[in-house]
Amino acid sequence: MFDRHDLTDAESDQLRPLLPADPGRGGRWADHRAVINGVFWRTRTSSPWRDVPPEYGN
């Protein structure tokens, strides 16, 4: 699912305290790690947002 450019477990663990917690109720909430990896993918490939693969929360 993830490739060599994605966050490692250690990097994800360091970022986790800086990100908001999942809301108990409300709208759709994607996994932070997947979304961050999607931003990395999009930046690396210069693709439009609509082309971000579904495994990155699209």
N, C-alpha and C. Protein backbone atom coordinates (compact mmCIF):
# COMPACT_ATOMS: atom_id res chain seq x y z
N MET A 1 0.82 -1.19 0.00
CA MET A 1 0.00 0.00 0.00
C MET A 1 0.87 1.26 0.00
N PHE A 2 1.84 1.32 0.86
CA PHE A 2 2.67 2.51 0.94
C PHE A 2 4.01 2.25 0.28
N ASP A 3 4.65 3.32 -0.13
CA ASP A 3 5.94 3.15 -0.79
C ASP A 3 7.06 3.80 0.02
N ARG A 4 8.24 3.79 -0.55
CA ARG A 4 9.42 4.24 0.18
C ARG A 4 9.42 5.73 0.52
N HIS A 5 8.54 6.50 -0.10
CA HIS A 5 8.49 7.93 0.17
C HIS A 5 7.51 8.29 1.28
N ASP A 6 6.78 7.33 1.78
CA ASP A 6 5.77 7.58 2.80
C ASP A 6 6.39 7.66 4.19
N LEU A 7 5.61 8.17 5.12
CA LEU A 7 6.06 8.26 6.50
C LEU A 7 6.40 6.88 7.06
N THR A 8 7.48 6.82 7.81
CA THR A 8 7.80 5.59 8.52
C THR A 8 6.96 5.54 9.80
N ASP A 9 6.98 4.41 10.47
CA ASP A 9 6.26 4.29 11.74
C ASP A 9 6.80 5.30 12.76
N ALA A 10 8.11 5.46 12.80
CA ALA A 10 8.72 6.39 13.76
C ALA A 10 8.31 7.84 13.46
N GLU A 11 8.30 8.20 12.19
CA GLU A 11 7.90 9.56 11.82
C GLU A 11 6.42 9.80 12.14
N SER A 12 5.61 8.81 11.87
CA SER A 12 4.19 8.92 12.17
C SER A 12 3.96 9.08 13.68
N ASP A 13 4.71 8.33 14.47
CA ASP A 13 4.59 8.43 15.93
C ASP A 13 4.98 9.81 16.44
N GLN A 14 5.96 10.43 15.80
CA GLN A 14 6.38 11.78 16.21
C GLN A 14 5.33 12.83 15.85
N LEU A 15 4.65 12.65 14.75
CA LEU A 15 3.64 13.62 14.32
C LEU A 15 2.30 13.47 15.04
N ARG A 16 1.98 12.28 15.48
CA ARG A 16 0.66 11.98 16.05
C ARG A 16 0.23 12.97 17.14
N PRO A 17 1.09 13.35 18.10
CA PRO A 17 0.64 14.29 19.14
C PRO A 17 0.33 15.69 18.61
N LEU A 18 0.82 16.02 17.43
CA LEU A 18 0.62 17.35 16.87
C LEU A 18 -0.66 17.47 16.05
N LEU A 19 -1.31 16.35 15.79
CA LEU A 19 -2.50 16.32 14.94
C LEU A 19 -3.76 16.19 15.79
N PRO A 20 -4.88 16.71 15.30
CA PRO A 20 -6.12 16.62 16.08
C PRO A 20 -6.58 15.18 16.23
N ALA A 21 -7.23 14.92 17.35
CA ALA A 21 -7.79 13.58 17.60
C ALA A 21 -9.03 13.38 16.74
N ASP A 22 -9.36 12.13 16.49
CA ASP A 22 -10.57 11.83 15.72
C ASP A 22 -11.80 12.30 16.49
N PRO A 23 -12.71 12.97 15.80
CA PRO A 23 -13.94 13.38 16.49
C PRO A 23 -14.83 12.16 16.74
N GLY A 24 -15.58 12.21 17.80
CA GLY A 24 -16.48 11.10 18.10
C GLY A 24 -17.60 10.97 17.10
N ARG A 25 -18.07 12.11 16.62
CA ARG A 25 -19.18 12.12 15.66
C ARG A 25 -18.91 13.19 14.62
N GLY A 26 -19.66 13.15 13.58
CA GLY A 26 -19.52 14.19 12.58
C GLY A 26 -19.18 13.64 11.22
N GLY A 27 -18.53 14.47 10.44
CA GLY A 27 -18.24 14.13 9.05
C GLY A 27 -17.18 13.07 8.88
N ARG A 28 -16.85 12.87 7.65
CA ARG A 28 -15.85 11.87 7.28
C ARG A 28 -14.49 12.26 7.82
N TRP A 29 -13.78 11.32 8.38
CA TRP A 29 -12.47 11.58 8.96
C TRP A 29 -11.50 10.56 8.40
N ALA A 30 -10.47 11.02 7.71
CA ALA A 30 -9.48 10.12 7.12
C ALA A 30 -8.29 9.97 8.06
N ASP A 31 -7.59 8.88 7.91
CA ASP A 31 -6.39 8.62 8.68
C ASP A 31 -5.34 9.68 8.36
N HIS A 32 -4.81 10.34 9.38
CA HIS A 32 -3.84 11.42 9.17
C HIS A 32 -2.62 10.95 8.39
N ARG A 33 -2.13 9.79 8.73
CA ARG A 33 -0.92 9.28 8.06
C ARG A 33 -1.16 9.10 6.56
N ALA A 34 -2.31 8.55 6.22
CA ALA A 34 -2.63 8.35 4.80
C ALA A 34 -2.75 9.69 4.07
N VAL A 35 -3.37 10.66 4.72
CA VAL A 35 -3.54 11.97 4.09
C VAL A 35 -2.19 12.66 3.90
N ILE A 36 -1.33 12.61 4.90
CA ILE A 36 0.00 13.22 4.78
C ILE A 36 0.79 12.53 3.67
N ASN A 37 0.71 11.21 3.61
CA ASN A 37 1.38 10.50 2.53
C ASN A 37 0.81 10.89 1.17
N GLY A 38 -0.49 11.14 1.12
CA GLY A 38 -1.12 11.61 -0.12
C GLY A 38 -0.60 12.97 -0.54
N VAL A 39 -0.40 13.85 0.42
CA VAL A 39 0.17 15.17 0.12
C VAL A 39 1.59 15.00 -0.42
N PHE A 40 2.36 14.12 0.21
CA PHE A 40 3.71 13.85 -0.29
C PHE A 40 3.66 13.33 -1.72
N TRP A 41 2.75 12.38 -1.97
CA TRP A 41 2.63 11.79 -3.31
C TRP A 41 2.28 12.86 -4.34
N ARG A 42 1.30 13.68 -4.00
CA ARG A 42 0.85 14.72 -4.91
C ARG A 42 1.96 15.73 -5.20
N THR A 43 2.70 16.11 -4.17
CA THR A 43 3.80 17.05 -4.34
C THR A 43 4.92 16.44 -5.18
N ARG A 44 5.22 15.18 -4.91
CA ARG A 44 6.29 14.50 -5.63
C ARG A 44 5.97 14.31 -7.11
N THR A 45 4.70 14.02 -7.42
CA THR A 45 4.32 13.71 -8.80
C THR A 45 3.79 14.92 -9.57
N SER A 46 3.48 15.99 -8.87
CA SER A 46 2.87 17.19 -9.48
C SER A 46 1.55 16.87 -10.17
N SER A 47 0.87 15.86 -9.68
CA SER A 47 -0.43 15.48 -10.24
C SER A 47 -1.53 16.33 -9.62
N PRO A 48 -2.66 16.44 -10.32
CA PRO A 48 -3.79 17.15 -9.71
C PRO A 48 -4.37 16.34 -8.55
N TRP A 49 -5.04 17.03 -7.64
CA TRP A 49 -5.60 16.38 -6.45
C TRP A 49 -6.53 15.24 -6.83
N ARG A 50 -7.27 15.38 -7.91
CA ARG A 50 -8.22 14.33 -8.29
C ARG A 50 -7.54 13.02 -8.66
N ASP A 51 -6.23 13.06 -8.94
CA ASP A 51 -5.49 11.86 -9.32
C ASP A 51 -4.78 11.17 -8.15
N VAL A 52 -4.94 11.72 -6.95
CA VAL A 52 -4.32 11.08 -5.78
C VAL A 52 -4.97 9.71 -5.59
N PRO A 53 -4.18 8.65 -5.45
CA PRO A 53 -4.75 7.30 -5.31
C PRO A 53 -5.64 7.17 -4.07
N PRO A 54 -6.65 6.33 -4.14
CA PRO A 54 -7.59 6.16 -3.03
C PRO A 54 -6.94 5.72 -1.71
N GLU A 55 -5.82 5.00 -1.77
CA GLU A 55 -5.19 4.56 -0.53
C GLU A 55 -4.64 5.71 0.30
N TYR A 56 -4.59 6.89 -0.29
CA TYR A 56 -4.13 8.07 0.44
C TYR A 56 -5.29 8.92 0.95
N GLY A 57 -6.46 8.37 1.00
CA GLY A 57 -7.59 9.07 1.59
C GLY A 57 -8.43 9.87 0.62
N ASN A 58 -8.22 9.67 -0.66
CA ASN A 58 -9.00 10.41 -1.65
C ASN A 58 -10.34 9.76 -1.85
